[in-house]
C-alpha atoms as a PDB file:
ATOM      1  CA  UNK A   1     -15.074  45.288 -12.124  1.00  0.00           C
ATOM      2  CA  UNK A   2     -16.872  48.445 -11.053  1.00  0.00           C
ATOM      3  CA  UNK A   3     -20.018  48.556  -8.950  1.00  0.00           C
ATOM      4  CA  UNK A   4     -22.642  51.291  -8.727  1.00  0.00           C
ATOM      5  CA  UNK A   5     -22.156  53.691  -5.825  1.00  0.00           C
ATOM      6  CA  UNK A   6     -25.549  52.744  -4.354  1.00  0.00           C
ATOM      7  CA  UNK A   7     -24.470  49.077  -4.164  1.00  0.00           C
ATOM      8  CA  UNK A   8     -21.203  49.967  -2.461  1.00  0.00           C
ATOM      9  CA  UNK A   9     -22.969  52.181   0.044  1.00  0.00           C
ATOM     10  CA  UNK A  10     -25.564  49.478   0.725  1.00  0.00           C
ATOM     11  CA  UNK A  11     -22.809  46.931   1.370  1.00  0.00           C
ATOM     12  CA  UNK A  12     -21.064  49.317   3.750  1.00  0.00           C
ATOM     13  CA  UNK A  13     -24.239  50.034   5.724  1.00  0.00           C
ATOM     14  CA  UNK A  14     -25.306  46.387   5.923  1.00  0.00           C
ATOM     15  CA  UNK A  15     -21.855  45.247   6.970  1.00  0.00           C
ATOM     16  CA  UNK A  16     -21.797  47.750   9.825  1.00  0.00           C
ATOM     17  CA  UNK A  17     -25.292  46.696  10.913  1.00  0.00           C
ATOM     18  CA  UNK A  18     -24.105  43.088  10.939  1.00  0.00           C
ATOM     19  CA  UNK A  19     -21.207  44.046  13.219  1.00  0.00           C
ATOM     20  CA  UNK A  20     -18.316  44.185  10.757  1.00  0.00           C
ATOM     21  CA  UNK A  21     -15.957  47.107  11.252  1.00  0.00           C
ATOM     22  CA  UNK A  22     -15.161  47.643   7.587  1.00  0.00           C
ATOM     23  CA  UNK A  23     -15.864  46.161   4.195  1.00  0.00           C
ATOM     24  CA  UNK A  24     -12.563  44.297   4.057  1.00  0.00           C
ATOM     25  CA  UNK A  25     -14.593  41.366   5.402  1.00  0.00           C
ATOM     26  CA  UNK A  26     -16.864  41.277   2.338  1.00  0.00           C
ATOM     27  CA  UNK A  27     -16.076  37.630   1.639  1.00  0.00           C
ATOM     28  CA  UNK A  28     -17.217  36.632   5.144  1.00  0.00           C
ATOM     29  CA  UNK A  29     -20.159  39.001   4.949  1.00  0.00           C
ATOM     30  CA  UNK A  30     -21.383  37.264   1.793  1.00  0.00           C
ATOM     31  CA  UNK A  31     -21.986  34.129   3.920  1.00  0.00           C
ATOM     32  CA  UNK A  32     -23.520  35.994   6.889  1.00  0.00           C
ATOM     33  CA  UNK A  33     -27.179  34.926   7.419  1.00  0.00           C
ATOM     34  CA  UNK A  34     -28.351  38.488   8.142  1.00  0.00           C
ATOM     35  CA  UNK A  35     -26.714  39.836   5.019  1.00  0.00           C
ATOM     36  CA  UNK A  36     -28.153  37.008   2.927  1.00  0.00           C
ATOM     37  CA  UNK A  37     -31.641  37.932   4.100  1.00  0.00           C
ATOM     38  CA  UNK A  38     -31.103  41.615   3.310  1.00  0.00           C
ATOM     39  CA  UNK A  39     -29.620  40.758  -0.056  1.00  0.00           C
ATOM     40  CA  UNK A  40     -32.625  38.617  -0.970  1.00  0.00           C
ATOM     41  CA  UNK A  41     -35.046  41.319   0.088  1.00  0.00           C
ATOM     42  CA  UNK A  42     -33.168  43.941  -1.919  1.00  0.00           C
ATOM     43  CA  UNK A  43     -33.019  41.781  -5.045  1.00  0.00           C
ATOM     44  CA  UNK A  44     -36.746  41.010  -4.843  1.00  0.00           C
ATOM     45  CA  UNK A  45     -37.584  44.717  -4.633  1.00  0.00           C
ATOM     46  CA  UNK A  46     -35.539  45.566  -7.703  1.00  0.00           C
ATOM     47  CA  UNK A  47     -37.041  42.753  -9.781  1.00  0.00           C
END
């Protein structure tokens, strides 16, 4: 599966803001409350 570059960049930035060193922790990040909030806000803007 391929993801748009903007989505990958967004994930990288948000993960660093949330305190993760790299995106290898994406599975944990998916459950992070801060990331969930950002993800909801981003999805509402694009809808």
